[in-house]
């Protein structure tokens, strides 16, 4: 069935399509803002160039300076990407793991930093490439009261001594910022399988339910 291409009247256009336009525009603007922020950060590395180079660039024609600045920024980006990748590779080796354990132990001795580091480390690991292992299941549970349902991520089985068996560790994220949330101990009998993947569940939370996984 073909849709009409007739342009709507001004009032109808604002009333019916303004929100739809904002839903398209906002993700594009946020993504563009993040990209520009990264580029601005990388562009700032020009200040690290030797003073003689910067003086030569100031005297050189702009047609030659701009390609050099772009190439320099791309080289810095490639270098940073390689450095982060090498750090990830080293962290998987025996010596790298031991050094990371020592660093973590030092941070754990600092009262405020240990809480921040531990929370960020666990969250990033959960959201990273092994998120499927960190979050074993995505479930529905009644929260914050009976009759209201929300998505929760099961991180494992709980065996508290003072509670009955069959309890689950469940993380309930907030929306639209899933980095915050609530940790709950929930009986297995009180959760329902969502049959959703971790990525689909996070997409649903971030979009306020507009992208229903």
C-alpha atoms as a PDB file:
ATOM      1  CA  UNK A   1       0.000   0.000   0.000  1.00  0.00           C
ATOM      2  CA  UNK A   2       1.525   3.317  -1.102  1.00  0.00           C
ATOM      3  CA  UNK A   3       1.705   6.181   1.365  1.00  0.00           C
ATOM      4  CA  UNK A   4       0.634   9.664   0.340  1.00  0.00           C
ATOM      5  CA  UNK A   5       3.499  12.080  -0.267  1.00  0.00           C
ATOM      6  CA  UNK A   6       1.282  15.144   0.157  1.00  0.00           C
ATOM      7  CA  UNK A   7       2.906  17.635   2.535  1.00  0.00           C
ATOM      8  CA  UNK A   8       0.749  18.144   5.657  1.00  0.00           C
ATOM      9  CA  UNK A   9      -0.510  21.518   6.812  1.00  0.00           C
ATOM     10  CA  UNK A  10       1.684  23.521   9.185  1.00  0.00           C
ATOM     11  CA  UNK A  11      -0.457  22.893  12.283  1.00  0.00           C
ATOM     12  CA  UNK A  12      -0.795  19.182  11.546  1.00  0.00           C
ATOM     13  CA  UNK A  13       2.951  18.944  10.930  1.00  0.00           C
ATOM     14  CA  UNK A  14       3.795  20.412  14.348  1.00  0.00           C
ATOM     15  CA  UNK A  15       1.128  18.500  16.231  1.00  0.00           C
ATOM     16  CA  UNK A  16       1.753  15.046  14.811  1.00  0.00           C
ATOM     17  CA  UNK A  17       5.407  14.950  13.786  1.00  0.00           C
ATOM     18  CA  UNK A  18       7.346  17.258  16.126  1.00  0.00           C
ATOM     19  CA  UNK A  19       7.966  14.525  18.732  1.00  0.00           C
ATOM     20  CA  UNK A  20       8.894  12.019  16.017  1.00  0.00           C
ATOM     21  CA  UNK A  21      11.411  14.510  14.664  1.00  0.00           C
ATOM     22  CA  UNK A  22      12.909  15.068  18.114  1.00  0.00           C
ATOM     23  CA  UNK A  23      13.301  11.315  18.598  1.00  0.00           C
ATOM     24  CA  UNK A  24      15.349  11.245  15.398  1.00  0.00           C
ATOM     25  CA  UNK A  25      17.303  14.430  16.110  1.00  0.00           C
ATOM     26  CA  UNK A  26      18.323  13.909  19.755  1.00  0.00           C
ATOM     27  CA  UNK A  27      20.301  10.654  19.255  1.00  0.00           C
ATOM     28  CA  UNK A  28      22.050  12.235  16.248  1.00  0.00           C
ATOM     29  CA  UNK A  29      22.936  15.361  18.234  1.00  0.00           C
ATOM     30  CA  UNK A  30      24.210  13.386  21.221  1.00  0.00           C
ATOM     31  CA  UNK A  31      26.293  11.134  18.983  1.00  0.00           C
ATOM     32  CA  UNK A  32      27.673  14.131  17.090  1.00  0.00           C
ATOM     33  CA  UNK A  33      28.459  15.919  20.357  1.00  0.00           C
ATOM     34  CA  UNK A  34      30.412  12.898  21.612  1.00  0.00           C
ATOM     35  CA  UNK A  35      32.343  12.610  18.346  1.00  0.00           C
ATOM     36  CA  UNK A  36      33.180  16.323  18.381  1.00  0.00           C
ATOM     37  CA  UNK A  37      34.318  16.040  22.000  1.00  0.00           C
ATOM     38  CA  UNK A  38      36.691  13.224  21.120  1.00  0.00           C
ATOM     39  CA  UNK A  39      38.014  15.109  18.082  1.00  0.00           C
ATOM     40  CA  UNK A  40      38.518  18.266  20.161  1.00  0.00           C
ATOM     41  CA  UNK A  41      40.436  16.239  22.732  1.00  0.00           C
ATOM     42  CA  UNK A  42      42.660  14.703  20.056  1.00  0.00           C
ATOM     43  CA  UNK A  43      43.131  18.062  18.349  1.00  0.00           C
ATOM     44  CA  UNK A  44      44.527  19.431  21.606  1.00  0.00           C
ATOM     45  CA  UNK A  45      47.532  17.130  21.325  1.00  0.00           C
ATOM     46  CA  UNK A  46      49.008  19.665  18.887  1.00  0.00           C
ATOM     47  CA  UNK A  47      50.252  21.542  21.936  1.00  0.00           C
ATOM     48  CA  UNK A  48      52.645  18.639  22.556  1.00  0.00           C
ATOM     49  CA  UNK A  49      54.530  19.318  19.332  1.00  0.00           C
ATOM     50  CA  UNK A  50      58.031  20.819  19.687  1.00  0.00           C
ATOM     51  CA  UNK A  51      58.032  24.608  19.722  1.00  0.00           C
ATOM     52  CA  UNK A  52      60.118  24.736  16.555  1.00  0.00           C
ATOM     53  CA  UNK A  53      57.471  22.684  14.730  1.00  0.00           C
ATOM     54  CA  UNK A  54      54.682  24.946  15.944  1.00  0.00           C
ATOM     55  CA  UNK A  55      56.562  28.047  14.833  1.00  0.00           C
ATOM     56  CA  UNK A  56      57.168  26.512  11.419  1.00  0.00           C
ATOM     57  CA  UNK A  57      53.468  25.654  11.139  1.00  0.00           C
ATOM     58  CA  UNK A  58      52.520  29.227  12.052  1.00  0.00           C
ATOM     59  CA  UNK A  59      54.632  30.525   9.164  1.00  0.00           C
ATOM     60  CA  UNK A  60      53.632  27.841   6.647  1.00  0.00           C
ATOM     61  CA  UNK A  61      50.710  28.274   4.202  1.00  0.00           C
ATOM     62  CA  UNK A  62      47.350  27.167   5.617  1.00  0.00           C
ATOM     63  CA  UNK A  63      46.915  24.765   2.705  1.00  0.00           C
ATOM     64  CA  UNK A  64      49.877  22.766   4.046  1.00  0.00           C
ATOM     65  CA  UNK A  65      49.149  23.162   7.762  1.00  0.00           C
ATOM     66  CA  UNK A  66      45.628  21.755   7.766  1.00  0.00           C
ATOM     67  CA  UNK A  67      46.523  18.390   6.120  1.00  0.00           C
ATOM     68  CA  UNK A  68      49.422  18.029   8.561  1.00  0.00           C
ATOM     69  CA  UNK A  69      47.150  18.739  11.565  1.00  0.00           C
ATOM     70  CA  UNK A  70      44.579  16.235  10.331  1.00  0.00           C
ATOM     71  CA  UNK A  71      47.244  13.589   9.759  1.00  0.00           C
ATOM     72  CA  UNK A  72      48.757  14.285  13.187  1.00  0.00           C
ATOM     73  CA  UNK A  73      45.341  13.962  14.871  1.00  0.00           C
ATOM     74  CA  UNK A  74      44.647  10.674  13.070  1.00  0.00           C
ATOM     75  CA  UNK A  75      48.065   9.384  14.095  1.00  0.00           C
ATOM     76  CA  UNK A  76      47.354  10.272  17.743  1.00  0.00           C
ATOM     77  CA  UNK A  77      43.977   8.510  17.545  1.00  0.00           C
ATOM     78  CA  UNK A  78      45.597   5.406  16.055  1.00  0.00           C
ATOM     79  CA  UNK A  79      48.315   5.506  18.698  1.00  0.00           C
ATOM     80  CA  UNK A  80      45.812   5.781  21.547  1.00  0.00           C
ATOM     81  CA  UNK A  81      43.724   2.942  20.102  1.00  0.00           C
ATOM     82  CA  UNK A  82      46.845   0.788  19.826  1.00  0.00           C
ATOM     83  CA  UNK A  83      47.891   1.699  23.363  1.00  0.00           C
ATOM     84  CA  UNK A  84      44.500   0.761  24.814  1.00  0.00           C
ATOM     85  CA  UNK A  85      44.531  -2.494  22.838  1.00  0.00           C
ATOM     86  CA  UNK A  86      48.018  -3.321  24.106  1.00  0.00           C
ATOM     87  CA  UNK A  87      46.867  -2.579  27.648  1.00  0.00           C
ATOM     88  CA  UNK A  88      43.984  -5.004  27.190  1.00  0.00           C
ATOM     89  CA  UNK A  89      46.338  -7.627  25.762  1.00  0.00           C
ATOM     90  CA  UNK A  90      48.813  -7.173  28.633  1.00  0.00           C
ATOM     91  CA  UNK A  91      46.034  -7.456  31.211  1.00  0.00           C
ATOM     92  CA  UNK A  92      45.323 -10.974  29.926  1.00  0.00           C
ATOM     93  CA  UNK A  93      48.932 -12.126  30.348  1.00  0.00           C
ATOM     94  CA  UNK A  94      50.293 -13.522  33.610  1.00  0.00           C
ATOM     95  CA  UNK A  95      52.538 -10.565  34.476  1.00  0.00           C
ATOM     96  CA  UNK A  96      49.850  -8.072  33.497  1.00  0.00           C
ATOM     97  CA  UNK A  97      47.275  -9.811  35.686  1.00  0.00           C
ATOM     98  CA  UNK A  98      49.671  -9.770  38.640  1.00  0.00           C
ATOM     99  CA  UNK A  99      50.417  -6.053  38.188  1.00  0.00           C
ATOM    100  CA  UNK A 100      46.699  -5.332  37.928  1.00  0.00           C
ATOM    101  CA  UNK A 101      46.061  -7.314  41.096  1.00  0.00           C
ATOM    102  CA  UNK A 102      48.713  -5.285  42.933  1.00  0.00           C
ATOM    103  CA  UNK A 103      47.239  -2.009  41.656  1.00  0.00           C
ATOM    104  CA  UNK A 104      43.743  -3.109  42.635  1.00  0.00           C
ATOM    105  CA  UNK A 105      44.943  -4.083  46.108  1.00  0.00           C
ATOM    106  CA  UNK A 106      46.520  -0.637  46.561  1.00  0.00           C
ATOM    107  CA  UNK A 107      43.320   1.102  45.473  1.00  0.00           C
ATOM    108  CA  UNK A 108      41.261  -1.110  47.783  1.00  0.00           C
ATOM    109  CA  UNK A 109      43.197   0.333  50.740  1.00  0.00           C
ATOM    110  CA  UNK A 110      42.017   3.886  49.937  1.00  0.00           C
ATOM    111  CA  UNK A 111      38.625   4.442  51.639  1.00  0.00           C
ATOM    112  CA  UNK A 112      36.739   6.495  49.023  1.00  0.00           C
ATOM    113  CA  UNK A 113      38.499   5.385  45.842  1.00  0.00           C
ATOM    114  CA  UNK A 114      37.983   1.682  46.544  1.00  0.00           C
ATOM    115  CA  UNK A 115      34.195   2.022  46.406  1.00  0.00           C
ATOM    116  CA  UNK A 116      34.267   4.068  43.191  1.00  0.00           C
ATOM    117  CA  UNK A 117      36.824   1.817  41.513  1.00  0.00           C
ATOM    118  CA  UNK A 118      35.070  -1.392  42.491  1.00  0.00           C
ATOM    119  CA  UNK A 119      31.659  -0.185  41.309  1.00  0.00           C
ATOM    120  CA  UNK A 120      32.982   1.111  37.981  1.00  0.00           C
ATOM    121  CA  UNK A 121      35.100  -1.989  37.402  1.00  0.00           C
ATOM    122  CA  UNK A 122      32.183  -4.361  37.942  1.00  0.00           C
ATOM    123  CA  UNK A 123      29.790  -2.249  35.870  1.00  0.00           C
ATOM    124  CA  UNK A 124      32.143  -1.911  32.914  1.00  0.00           C
ATOM    125  CA  UNK A 125      32.916  -5.615  32.968  1.00  0.00           C
ATOM    126  CA  UNK A 126      29.199  -6.345  32.973  1.00  0.00           C
ATOM    127  CA  UNK A 127      28.576  -3.997  30.050  1.00  0.00           C
ATOM    128  CA  UNK A 128      31.648  -5.135  28.126  1.00  0.00           C
ATOM    129  CA  UNK A 129      32.251  -7.986  25.737  1.00  0.00           C
ATOM    130  CA  UNK A 130      31.695 -10.587  28.455  1.00  0.00           C
ATOM    131  CA  UNK A 131      28.423  -9.023  29.578  1.00  0.00           C
ATOM    132  CA  UNK A 132      26.573 -12.201  28.711  1.00  0.00           C
ATOM    133  CA  UNK A 133      28.667 -14.007  31.323  1.00  0.00           C
ATOM    134  CA  UNK A 134      28.278 -11.298  33.954  1.00  0.00           C
ATOM    135  CA  UNK A 135      24.505 -11.122  33.463  1.00  0.00           C
ATOM    136  CA  UNK A 136      23.372 -14.710  33.139  1.00  0.00           C
ATOM    137  CA  UNK A 137      19.662 -13.942  32.590  1.00  0.00           C
ATOM    138  CA  UNK A 138      17.273 -11.076  31.969  1.00  0.00           C
ATOM    139  CA  UNK A 139      14.074 -11.431  33.970  1.00  0.00           C
ATOM    140  CA  UNK A 140      10.913  -9.583  34.895  1.00  0.00           C
ATOM    141  CA  UNK A 141      10.149  -8.998  38.550  1.00  0.00           C
ATOM    142  CA  UNK A 142       7.540  -7.069  40.475  1.00  0.00           C
ATOM    143  CA  UNK A 143       9.248  -3.885  41.643  1.00  0.00           C
ATOM    144  CA  UNK A 144       8.907  -1.458  43.425  1.00  0.00           C
ATOM    145  CA  UNK A 145       5.572  -3.008  44.443  1.00  0.00           C
ATOM    146  CA  UNK A 146       3.262  -5.843  43.477  1.00  0.00           C
ATOM    147  CA  UNK A 147       1.524  -5.223  40.175  1.00  0.00           C
ATOM    148  CA  UNK A 148       4.380  -3.175  38.681  1.00  0.00           C
ATOM    149  CA  UNK A 149       6.952  -5.042  36.607  1.00  0.00           C
ATOM    150  CA  UNK A 150      10.507  -4.116  35.664  1.00  0.00           C
ATOM    151  CA  UNK A 151      13.507  -5.659  33.979  1.00  0.00           C
ATOM    152  CA  UNK A 152      16.259  -7.129  36.109  1.00  0.00           C
ATOM    153  CA  UNK A 153      19.616  -8.728  35.356  1.00  0.00           C
ATOM    154  CA  UNK A 154      20.476 -11.913  37.212  1.00  0.00           C
ATOM    155  CA  UNK A 155      24.146 -12.008  38.157  1.00  0.00           C
ATOM    156  CA  UNK A 156      24.072 -15.360  39.911  1.00  0.00           C
ATOM    157  CA  UNK A 157      22.542 -17.537  42.592  1.00  0.00           C
ATOM    158  CA  UNK A 158      22.640 -16.338  46.181  1.00  0.00           C
ATOM    159  CA  UNK A 159      23.281 -18.518  49.209  1.00  0.00           C
ATOM    160  CA  UNK A 160      22.709 -16.251  52.218  1.00  0.00           C
ATOM    161  CA  UNK A 161      22.767 -18.133  55.500  1.00  0.00           C
ATOM    162  CA  UNK A 162      19.825 -16.273  57.046  1.00  0.00           C
ATOM    163  CA  UNK A 163      17.515 -16.484  53.982  1.00  0.00           C
ATOM    164  CA  UNK A 164      15.785 -19.443  52.330  1.00  0.00           C
ATOM    165  CA  UNK A 165      17.355 -21.258  49.405  1.00  0.00           C
ATOM    166  CA  UNK A 166      16.593 -20.392  45.802  1.00  0.00           C
ATOM    167  CA  UNK A 167      17.502 -16.706  46.017  1.00  0.00           C
ATOM    168  CA  UNK A 168      18.980 -14.750  43.102  1.00  0.00           C
ATOM    169  CA  UNK A 169      21.308 -11.769  42.898  1.00  0.00           C
ATOM    170  CA  UNK A 170      19.400  -9.289  40.703  1.00  0.00           C
ATOM    171  CA  UNK A 171      20.491  -5.881  39.463  1.00  0.00           C
ATOM    172  CA  UNK A 172      17.642  -3.504  38.556  1.00  0.00           C
ATOM    173  CA  UNK A 173      19.018  -0.576  36.508  1.00  0.00           C
ATOM    174  CA  UNK A 174      17.509   2.886  36.395  1.00  0.00           C
ATOM    175  CA  UNK A 175      16.360   4.481  33.154  1.00  0.00           C
ATOM    176  CA  UNK A 176      17.581   6.116  30.985  1.00  0.00           C
ATOM    177  CA  UNK A 177      20.920   5.824  32.863  1.00  0.00           C
ATOM    178  CA  UNK A 178      21.545   2.106  33.445  1.00  0.00           C
ATOM    179  CA  UNK A 179      24.842   2.695  35.280  1.00  0.00           C
ATOM    180  CA  UNK A 180      22.804   3.339  38.433  1.00  0.00           C
ATOM    181  CA  UNK A 181      20.277   1.010  39.962  1.00  0.00           C
ATOM    182  CA  UNK A 182      19.369  -1.305  42.810  1.00  0.00           C
ATOM    183  CA  UNK A 183      20.744  -4.595  44.027  1.00  0.00           C
ATOM    184  CA  UNK A 184      18.069  -7.039  45.166  1.00  0.00           C
ATOM    185  CA  UNK A 185      17.908 -10.562  46.555  1.00  0.00           C
ATOM    186  CA  UNK A 186      14.862 -12.105  44.882  1.00  0.00           C
ATOM    187  CA  UNK A 187      13.384 -15.606  45.220  1.00  0.00           C
ATOM    188  CA  UNK A 188      13.592 -17.620  42.010  1.00  0.00           C
ATOM    189  CA  UNK A 189       9.839 -18.211  42.211  1.00  0.00           C
ATOM    190  CA  UNK A 190       9.139 -14.462  41.989  1.00  0.00           C
ATOM    191  CA  UNK A 191      10.861 -13.755  38.674  1.00  0.00           C
ATOM    192  CA  UNK A 192       9.686 -14.456  35.139  1.00  0.00           C
ATOM    193  CA  UNK A 193      11.920 -15.125  32.169  1.00  0.00           C
ATOM    194  CA  UNK A 194      11.932 -12.251  29.693  1.00  0.00           C
ATOM    195  CA  UNK A 195      13.490 -14.262  26.843  1.00  0.00           C
ATOM    196  CA  UNK A 196      15.509 -11.136  26.005  1.00  0.00           C
ATOM    197  CA  UNK A 197      19.203 -10.763  25.407  1.00  0.00           C
ATOM    198  CA  UNK A 198      21.298  -8.381  27.498  1.00  0.00           C
ATOM    199  CA  UNK A 199      21.730  -5.922  24.620  1.00  0.00           C
ATOM    200  CA  UNK A 200      18.006  -5.914  23.844  1.00  0.00           C
ATOM    201  CA  UNK A 201      17.192  -5.296  27.504  1.00  0.00           C
ATOM    202  CA  UNK A 202      19.637  -2.377  27.752  1.00  0.00           C
ATOM    203  CA  UNK A 203      18.247  -0.947  24.512  1.00  0.00           C
ATOM    204  CA  UNK A 204      14.760  -1.058  25.986  1.00  0.00           C
ATOM    205  CA  UNK A 205      15.898   0.673  29.177  1.00  0.00           C
ATOM    206  CA  UNK A 206      17.903   3.376  27.405  1.00  0.00           C
ATOM    207  CA  UNK A 207      15.009   4.200  25.048  1.00  0.00           C
ATOM    208  CA  UNK A 208      12.446   4.369  27.897  1.00  0.00           C
ATOM    209  CA  UNK A 209      10.655   1.419  26.354  1.00  0.00           C
ATOM    210  CA  UNK A 210      10.345   2.949  22.884  1.00  0.00           C
ATOM    211  CA  UNK A 211      12.642   0.261  21.534  1.00  0.00           C
ATOM    212  CA  UNK A 212      10.894  -2.776  22.886  1.00  0.00           C
ATOM    213  CA  UNK A 213      13.153  -5.822  22.820  1.00  0.00           C
END
